[in-house]
Amino acid sequence: PDAIRAVGVDALAEELGGRVDLLKVDIEGAELEVFGRHTERWIGRVGAVIVEPHEEYYPGGTAAVRAAAGGAFRESRCGE
């Protein structure tokens, strides 16, 4: 089978020249893994984040996103 390359957000930012204008995150419940640790490496290099948390199935993801943002982003909700 073909391998799929996975990179962290910090490595992705580096590949894109150090800055990510818009990060859309739809990772089906893995929000806690991405936003729960080491966000200081990349969160300051992101202009906007769109997240679809799956809180009903994976509790704690929404809180991890909010904690990672540290009040630096305006939060809004729409849709589901």
PDB file of N, CA and C in Angstrom:
ATOM      1  N   PRO A   1       0.832  -1.198   0.000  1.00  0.00           N
ATOM      2  CA  PRO A   1       0.000   0.000   0.000  1.00  0.00           C
ATOM      3  C   PRO A   1       0.874   1.258   0.000  1.00  0.00           C
ATOM      4  N   ASP A   2       0.325   2.314  -0.546  1.00  0.00           N
ATOM      5  CA  ASP A   2       1.014   3.599  -0.570  1.00  0.00           C
ATOM      6  C   ASP A   2       1.023   4.217   0.822  1.00  0.00           C
ATOM      7  N   ALA A   3       2.118   4.859   1.133  1.00  0.00           N
ATOM      8  CA  ALA A   3       2.238   5.543   2.420  1.00  0.00           C
ATOM      9  C   ALA A   3       1.620   6.934   2.318  1.00  0.00           C
ATOM     10  N   ILE A   4       1.040   7.377   3.390  1.00  0.00           N
ATOM     11  CA  ILE A   4       0.488   8.728   3.475  1.00  0.00           C
ATOM     12  C   ILE A   4       1.351   9.516   4.445  1.00  0.00           C
ATOM     13  N   ARG A   5       1.891  10.614   3.980  1.00  0.00           N
ATOM     14  CA  ARG A   5       2.756  11.432   4.810  1.00  0.00           C
ATOM     15  C   ARG A   5       1.909  12.275   5.752  1.00  0.00           C
ATOM     16  N   ALA A   6       2.245  12.255   7.006  1.00  0.00           N
ATOM     17  CA  ALA A   6       1.570  13.081   8.001  1.00  0.00           C
ATOM     18  C   ALA A   6       2.568  14.086   8.547  1.00  0.00           C
ATOM     19  N   VAL A   7       2.100  15.314   8.741  1.00  0.00           N
ATOM     20  CA  VAL A   7       2.951  16.353   9.308  1.00  0.00           C
ATOM     21  C   VAL A   7       2.177  17.084  10.383  1.00  0.00           C
ATOM     22  N   GLY A   8       2.892  17.608  11.346  1.00  0.00           N
ATOM     23  CA  GLY A   8       2.269  18.435  12.372  1.00  0.00           C
ATOM     24  C   GLY A   8       2.020  19.831  11.836  1.00  0.00           C
ATOM     25  N   VAL A   9       1.212  20.591  12.539  1.00  0.00           N
ATOM     26  CA  VAL A   9       0.890  21.939  12.083  1.00  0.00           C
ATOM     27  C   VAL A   9       2.139  22.812  12.054  1.00  0.00           C
ATOM     28  N   ASP A  10       3.035  22.641  13.001  1.00  0.00           N
ATOM     29  CA  ASP A  10       4.257  23.451  13.010  1.00  0.00           C
ATOM     30  C   ASP A  10       5.103  23.163  11.770  1.00  0.00           C
ATOM     31  N   ALA A  11       5.234  21.893  11.382  1.00  0.00           N
ATOM     32  CA  ALA A  11       5.989  21.540  10.183  1.00  0.00           C
ATOM     33  C   ALA A  11       5.280  22.048   8.927  1.00  0.00           C
ATOM     34  N   LEU A  12       3.963  21.983   8.918  1.00  0.00           N
ATOM     35  CA  LEU A  12       3.197  22.491   7.786  1.00  0.00           C
ATOM     36  C   LEU A  12       3.418  23.988   7.622  1.00  0.00           C
ATOM     37  N   ALA A  13       3.397  24.724   8.720  1.00  0.00           N
ATOM     38  CA  ALA A  13       3.636  26.165   8.667  1.00  0.00           C
ATOM     39  C   ALA A  13       5.014  26.458   8.081  1.00  0.00           C
ATOM     40  N   GLU A  14       6.004  25.697   8.485  1.00  0.00           N
ATOM     41  CA  GLU A  14       7.352  25.878   7.950  1.00  0.00           C
ATOM     42  C   GLU A  14       7.385  25.621   6.443  1.00  0.00           C
ATOM     43  N   GLU A  15       6.716  24.576   6.009  1.00  0.00           N
ATOM     44  CA  GLU A  15       6.670  24.258   4.584  1.00  0.00           C
ATOM     45  C   GLU A  15       6.002  25.364   3.778  1.00  0.00           C
ATOM     46  N   LEU A  16       5.069  26.072   4.408  1.00  0.00           N
ATOM     47  CA  LEU A  16       4.313  27.121   3.724  1.00  0.00           C
ATOM     48  C   LEU A  16       4.937  28.500   3.907  1.00  0.00           C
ATOM     49  N   GLY A  17       6.151  28.541   4.365  1.00  0.00           N
ATOM     50  CA  GLY A  17       6.822  29.830   4.496  1.00  0.00           C
ATOM     51  C   GLY A  17       6.708  30.460   5.866  1.00  0.00           C
ATOM     52  N   GLY A  18       6.279  29.694   6.847  1.00  0.00           N
ATOM     53  CA  GLY A  18       6.242  30.184   8.212  1.00  0.00           C
ATOM     54  C   GLY A  18       4.903  30.691   8.692  1.00  0.00           C
ATOM     55  N   ARG A  19       3.924  30.848   7.797  1.00  0.00           N
ATOM     56  CA  ARG A  19       2.625  31.394   8.191  1.00  0.00           C
ATOM     57  C   ARG A  19       1.511  30.620   7.494  1.00  0.00           C
ATOM     58  N   VAL A  20       0.415  30.422   8.230  1.00  0.00           N
ATOM     59  CA  VAL A  20      -0.790  29.797   7.676  1.00  0.00           C
ATOM     60  C   VAL A  20      -1.912  30.813   7.847  1.00  0.00           C
ATOM     61  N   ASP A  21      -2.496  31.255   6.744  1.00  0.00           N
ATOM     62  CA  ASP A  21      -3.571  32.249   6.828  1.00  0.00           C
ATOM     63  C   ASP A  21      -4.849  31.645   7.386  1.00  0.00           C
ATOM     64  N   LEU A  22      -5.225  30.473   6.895  1.00  0.00           N
ATOM     65  CA  LEU A  22      -6.456  29.822   7.322  1.00  0.00           C
ATOM     66  C   LEU A  22      -6.190  28.337   7.526  1.00  0.00           C
ATOM     67  N   LEU A  23      -6.448  27.863   8.728  1.00  0.00           N
ATOM     68  CA  LEU A  23      -6.291  26.445   9.053  1.00  0.00           C
ATOM     69  C   LEU A  23      -7.671  25.866   9.298  1.00  0.00           C
ATOM     70  N   LYS A  24      -8.130  24.995   8.401  1.00  0.00           N
ATOM     71  CA  LYS A  24      -9.419  24.326   8.579  1.00  0.00           C
ATOM     72  C   LYS A  24      -9.152  22.941   9.139  1.00  0.00           C
ATOM     73  N   VAL A  25      -9.766  22.659  10.256  1.00  0.00           N
ATOM     74  CA  VAL A  25      -9.513  21.411  10.973  1.00  0.00           C
ATOM     75  C   VAL A  25     -10.815  20.616  11.072  1.00  0.00           C
ATOM     76  N   ASP A  26     -10.863  19.501  10.389  1.00  0.00           N
ATOM     77  CA  ASP A  26     -11.997  18.576  10.477  1.00  0.00           C
ATOM     78  C   ASP A  26     -11.374  17.198  10.632  1.00  0.00           C
ATOM     79  N   ILE A  27     -11.045  16.847  11.864  1.00  0.00           N
ATOM     80  CA  ILE A  27     -10.245  15.650  12.113  1.00  0.00           C
ATOM     81  C   ILE A  27     -10.992  14.611  12.954  1.00  0.00           C
ATOM     82  N   GLU A  28     -12.319  14.685  12.869  1.00  0.00           N
ATOM     83  CA  GLU A  28     -13.185  13.629  13.402  1.00  0.00           C
ATOM     84  C   GLU A  28     -12.850  13.193  14.816  1.00  0.00           C
ATOM     85  N   GLY A  29     -12.682  14.152  15.702  1.00  0.00           N
ATOM     86  CA  GLY A  29     -12.492  13.808  17.108  1.00  0.00           C
ATOM     87  C   GLY A  29     -11.069  13.853  17.605  1.00  0.00           C
ATOM     88  N   ALA A  30     -10.115  14.140  16.756  1.00  0.00           N
ATOM     89  CA  ALA A  30      -8.708  14.197  17.184  1.00  0.00           C
ATOM     90  C   ALA A  30      -8.297  15.603  17.606  1.00  0.00           C
ATOM     91  N   GLU A  31      -9.271  16.468  17.887  1.00  0.00           N
ATOM     92  CA  GLU A  31      -8.965  17.840  18.286  1.00  0.00           C
ATOM     93  C   GLU A  31      -8.088  17.891  19.540  1.00  0.00           C
ATOM     94  N   LEU A  32      -8.345  17.020  20.467  1.00  0.00           N
ATOM     95  CA  LEU A  32      -7.565  17.005  21.702  1.00  0.00           C
ATOM     96  C   LEU A  32      -6.098  16.689  21.420  1.00  0.00           C
ATOM     97  N   GLU A  33      -5.842  15.801  20.486  1.00  0.00           N
ATOM     98  CA  GLU A  33      -4.465  15.456  20.150  1.00  0.00           C
ATOM     99  C   GLU A  33      -3.733  16.613  19.481  1.00  0.00           C
ATOM    100  N   VAL A  34      -4.418  17.348  18.615  1.00  0.00           N
ATOM    101  CA  VAL A  34      -3.777  18.447  17.889  1.00  0.00           C
ATOM    102  C   VAL A  34      -3.691  19.716  18.735  1.00  0.00           C
ATOM    103  N   PHE A  35      -4.758  20.036  19.455  1.00  0.00           N
ATOM    104  CA  PHE A  35      -4.808  21.288  20.207  1.00  0.00           C
ATOM    105  C   PHE A  35      -4.456  21.119  21.679  1.00  0.00           C
ATOM    106  N   GLY A  36      -4.257  19.899  22.127  1.00  0.00           N
ATOM    107  CA  GLY A  36      -4.019  19.649  23.545  1.00  0.00           C
ATOM    108  C   GLY A  36      -2.586  19.800  24.010  1.00  0.00           C
ATOM    109  N   ARG A  37      -1.633  19.894  23.073  1.00  0.00           N
ATOM    110  CA  ARG A  37      -0.233  20.029  23.491  1.00  0.00           C
ATOM    111  C   ARG A  37       0.609  20.604  22.355  1.00  0.00           C
ATOM    112  N   HIS A  38       1.647  21.272  22.709  1.00  0.00           N
ATOM    113  CA  HIS A  38       2.640  21.847  21.790  1.00  0.00           C
ATOM    114  C   HIS A  38       2.077  22.885  20.827  1.00  0.00           C
ATOM    115  N   THR A  39       0.940  23.475  21.141  1.00  0.00           N
ATOM    116  CA  THR A  39       0.384  24.483  20.234  1.00  0.00           C
ATOM    117  C   THR A  39       1.213  25.763  20.225  1.00  0.00           C
ATOM    118  N   GLU A  40       2.006  25.974  21.261  1.00  0.00           N
ATOM    119  CA  GLU A  40       2.837  27.183  21.294  1.00  0.00           C
ATOM    120  C   GLU A  40       3.827  27.205  20.125  1.00  0.00           C
ATOM    121  N   ARG A  41       4.076  26.066  19.536  1.00  0.00           N
ATOM    122  CA  ARG A  41       4.993  25.977  18.388  1.00  0.00           C
ATOM    123  C   ARG A  41       4.403  26.590  17.121  1.00  0.00           C
ATOM    124  N   TRP A  42       3.062  26.648  17.046  1.00  0.00           N
ATOM    125  CA  TRP A  42       2.460  27.070  15.778  1.00  0.00           C
ATOM    126  C   TRP A  42       1.278  28.017  15.876  1.00  0.00           C
ATOM    127  N   ILE A  43       0.576  28.076  16.992  1.00  0.00           N
ATOM    128  CA  ILE A  43      -0.682  28.832  17.057  1.00  0.00           C
ATOM    129  C   ILE A  43      -0.492  30.313  16.721  1.00  0.00           C
ATOM    130  N   GLY A  44       0.645  30.878  17.061  1.00  0.00           N
ATOM    131  CA  GLY A  44       0.897  32.283  16.770  1.00  0.00           C
ATOM    132  C   GLY A  44       1.169  32.569  15.303  1.00  0.00           C
ATOM    133  N   ARG A  45       1.341  31.535  14.509  1.00  0.00           N
ATOM    134  CA  ARG A  45       1.604  31.694  13.075  1.00  0.00           C
ATOM    135  C   ARG A  45       0.367  31.419  12.223  1.00  0.00           C
ATOM    136  N   VAL A  46      -0.788  31.294  12.881  1.00  0.00           N
ATOM    137  CA  VAL A  46      -2.037  31.002  12.179  1.00  0.00           C
ATOM    138  C   VAL A  46      -2.940  32.224  12.269  1.00  0.00           C
ATOM    139  N   GLY A  47      -3.447  32.662  11.105  1.00  0.00           N
ATOM    140  CA  GLY A  47      -4.320  33.825  11.079  1.00  0.00           C
ATOM    141  C   GLY A  47      -5.733  33.529  11.537  1.00  0.00           C
ATOM    142  N   ALA A  48      -6.287  32.398  11.117  1.00  0.00           N
ATOM    143  CA  ALA A  48      -7.655  32.015  11.473  1.00  0.00           C
ATOM    144  C   ALA A  48      -7.745  30.492  11.500  1.00  0.00           C
ATOM    145  N   VAL A  49      -8.597  29.996  12.391  1.00  0.00           N
ATOM    146  CA  VAL A  49      -8.796  28.555  12.527  1.00  0.00           C
ATOM    147  C   VAL A  49     -10.285  28.263  12.417  1.00  0.00           C
ATOM    148  N   ILE A  50     -10.621  27.305  11.602  1.00  0.00           N
ATOM    149  CA  ILE A  50     -11.990  26.800  11.525  1.00  0.00           C
ATOM    150  C   ILE A  50     -11.937  25.364  12.024  1.00  0.00           C
ATOM    151  N   VAL A  51     -12.734  25.085  13.041  1.00  0.00           N
ATOM    152  CA  VAL A  51     -12.716  23.754  13.660  1.00  0.00           C
ATOM    153  C   VAL A  51     -14.133  23.208  13.726  1.00  0.00           C
ATOM    154  N   GLU A  52     -14.265  21.960  13.382  1.00  0.00           N
ATOM    155  CA  GLU A  52     -15.528  21.251  13.567  1.00  0.00           C
ATOM    156  C   GLU A  52     -15.300  20.214  14.668  1.00  0.00           C
ATOM    157  N   PRO A  53     -15.517  20.614  15.924  1.00  0.00           N
ATOM    158  CA  PRO A  53     -15.284  19.661  17.015  1.00  0.00           C
ATOM    159  C   PRO A  53     -16.374  18.593  17.055  1.00  0.00           C
ATOM    160  N   HIS A  54     -16.020  17.466  17.591  1.00  0.00           N
ATOM    161  CA  HIS A  54     -16.952  16.347  17.733  1.00  0.00           C
ATOM    162  C   HIS A  54     -17.115  16.038  19.222  1.00  0.00           C
ATOM    163  N   GLU A  55     -17.520  17.051  19.947  1.00  0.00           N
ATOM    164  CA  GLU A  55     -17.589  17.013  21.403  1.00  0.00           C
ATOM    165  C   GLU A  55     -18.496  15.902  21.925  1.00  0.00           C
ATOM    166  N   GLU A  56     -19.575  15.623  21.218  1.00  0.00           N
ATOM    167  CA  GLU A  56     -20.524  14.612  21.700  1.00  0.00           C
ATOM    168  C   GLU A  56     -19.908  13.214  21.722  1.00  0.00           C
ATOM    169  N   TYR A  57     -18.916  12.984  20.884  1.00  0.00           N
ATOM    170  CA  TYR A  57     -18.260  11.675  20.835  1.00  0.00           C
ATOM    171  C   TYR A  57     -16.886  11.668  21.499  1.00  0.00           C
ATOM    172  N   TYR A  58     -16.212  12.821  21.476  1.00  0.00           N
ATOM    173  CA  TYR A  58     -14.853  12.933  22.009  1.00  0.00           C
ATOM    174  C   TYR A  58     -14.767  14.165  22.899  1.00  0.00           C
ATOM    175  N   PRO A  59     -15.231  14.082  24.139  1.00  0.00           N
ATOM    176  CA  PRO A  59     -15.250  15.237  25.035  1.00  0.00           C
ATOM    177  C   PRO A  59     -13.848  15.809  25.279  1.00  0.00           C
ATOM    178  N   GLY A  60     -13.791  17.114  25.381  1.00  0.00           N
ATOM    179  CA  GLY A  60     -12.544  17.794  25.701  1.00  0.00           C
ATOM    180  C   GLY A  60     -11.916  18.510  24.527  1.00  0.00           C
ATOM    181  N   GLY A  61     -12.336  18.200  23.324  1.00  0.00           N
ATOM    182  CA  GLY A  61     -11.754  18.829  22.145  1.00  0.00           C
ATOM    183  C   GLY A  61     -12.017  20.318  22.070  1.00  0.00           C
ATOM    184  N   THR A  62     -13.241  20.717  22.358  1.00  0.00           N
ATOM    185  CA  THR A  62     -13.586  22.138  22.306  1.00  0.00           C
ATOM    186  C   THR A  62     -12.782  22.925  23.332  1.00  0.00           C
ATOM    187  N   ALA A  63     -12.659  22.410  24.521  1.00  0.00           N
ATOM    188  CA  ALA A  63     -11.873  23.086  25.565  1.00  0.00           C
ATOM    189  C   ALA A  63     -10.402  23.183  25.171  1.00  0.00           C
ATOM    190  N   ALA A  64      -9.878  22.155  24.525  1.00  0.00           N
ATOM    191  CA  ALA A  64      -8.485  22.175  24.078  1.00  0.00           C
ATOM    192  C   ALA A  64      -8.270  23.250  23.022  1.00  0.00           C
ATOM    193  N   VAL A  65      -9.213  23.393  22.097  1.00  0.00           N
ATOM    194  CA  VAL A  65      -9.106  24.430  21.067  1.00  0.00           C
ATOM    195  C   VAL A  65      -9.140  25.807  21.721  1.00  0.00           C
ATOM    196  N   ARG A  66     -10.076  26.014  22.629  1.00  0.00           N
ATOM    197  CA  ARG A  66     -10.173  27.316  23.314  1.00  0.00           C
ATOM    198  C   ARG A  66      -8.910  27.627  24.111  1.00  0.00           C
ATOM    199  N   ALA A  67      -8.381  26.644  24.808  1.00  0.00           N
ATOM    200  CA  ALA A  67      -7.168  26.852  25.595  1.00  0.00           C
ATOM    201  C   ALA A  67      -5.981  27.174  24.692  1.00  0.00           C
ATOM    202  N   ALA A  68      -5.872  26.470  23.586  1.00  0.00           N
ATOM    203  CA  ALA A  68      -4.772  26.711  22.650  1.00  0.00           C
ATOM    204  C   ALA A  68      -4.854  28.115  22.070  1.00  0.00           C
ATOM    205  N   ALA A  69      -6.065  28.572  21.772  1.00  0.00           N
ATOM    206  CA  ALA A  69      -6.251  29.900  21.196  1.00  0.00           C
ATOM    207  C   ALA A  69      -5.891  30.984  22.199  1.00  0.00           C
ATOM    208  N   GLY A  70      -6.061  30.705  23.479  1.00  0.00           N
ATOM    209  CA  GLY A  70      -5.677  31.657  24.511  1.00  0.00           C
ATOM    210  C   GLY A  70      -6.322  33.019  24.398  1.00  0.00           C
ATOM    211  N   GLY A  71      -7.498  33.088  23.833  1.00  0.00           N
ATOM    212  CA  GLY A  71      -8.187  34.366  23.693  1.00  0.00           C
ATOM    213  C   GLY A  71      -7.711  35.186  22.502  1.00  0.00           C
ATOM    214  N   ALA A  72      -6.787  34.648  21.706  1.00  0.00           N
ATOM    215  CA  ALA A  72      -6.237  35.393  20.569  1.00  0.00           C
ATOM    216  C   ALA A  72      -7.168  35.390  19.356  1.00  0.00           C
ATOM    217  N   PHE A  73      -8.190  34.549  19.378  1.00  0.00           N
ATOM    218  CA  PHE A  73      -9.104  34.448  18.252  1.00  0.00           C
ATOM    219  C   PHE A  73     -10.515  34.784  18.717  1.00  0.00           C
ATOM    220  N   ARG A  74     -11.308  35.318  17.817  1.00  0.00           N
ATOM    221  CA  ARG A  74     -12.730  35.542  18.098  1.00  0.00           C
ATOM    222  C   ARG A  74     -13.446  34.236  17.777  1.00  0.00           C
ATOM    223  N   GLU A  75     -14.334  33.832  18.648  1.00  0.00           N
ATOM    224  CA  GLU A  75     -15.057  32.584  18.448  1.00  0.00           C
ATOM    225  C   GLU A  75     -16.448  32.858  17.937  1.00  0.00           C
ATOM    226  N   SER A  76     -16.858  32.096  16.946  1.00  0.00           N
ATOM    227  CA  SER A  76     -18.248  32.146  16.487  1.00  0.00           C
ATOM    228  C   SER A  76     -18.682  30.736  16.137  1.00  0.00           C
ATOM    229  N   ARG A  77     -19.967  30.526  16.176  1.00  0.00           N
ATOM    230  CA  ARG A  77     -20.515  29.191  15.919  1.00  0.00           C
ATOM    231  C   ARG A  77     -21.617  29.320  14.881  1.00  0.00           C
ATOM    232  N   CYS A  78     -21.679  28.327  14.003  1.00  0.00           N
ATOM    233  CA  CYS A  78     -22.781  28.270  13.051  1.00  0.00           C
ATOM    234  C   CYS A  78     -22.948  26.826  12.598  1.00  0.00           C
ATOM    235  N   GLY A  79     -24.082  26.538  12.010  1.00  0.00           N
ATOM    236  CA  GLY A  79     -24.313  25.192  11.501  1.00  0.00           C
ATOM    237  C   GLY A  79     -24.588  24.201  12.594  1.00  0.00           C
ATOM    238  N   GLU A  80     -24.075  23.009  12.400  1.00  0.00           N
ATOM    239  CA  GLU A  80     -24.328  21.901  13.302  1.00  0.00           C
ATOM    240  C   GLU A  80     -23.999  22.284  14.706  1.00  0.00           C
TER     241      GLU A  80
END
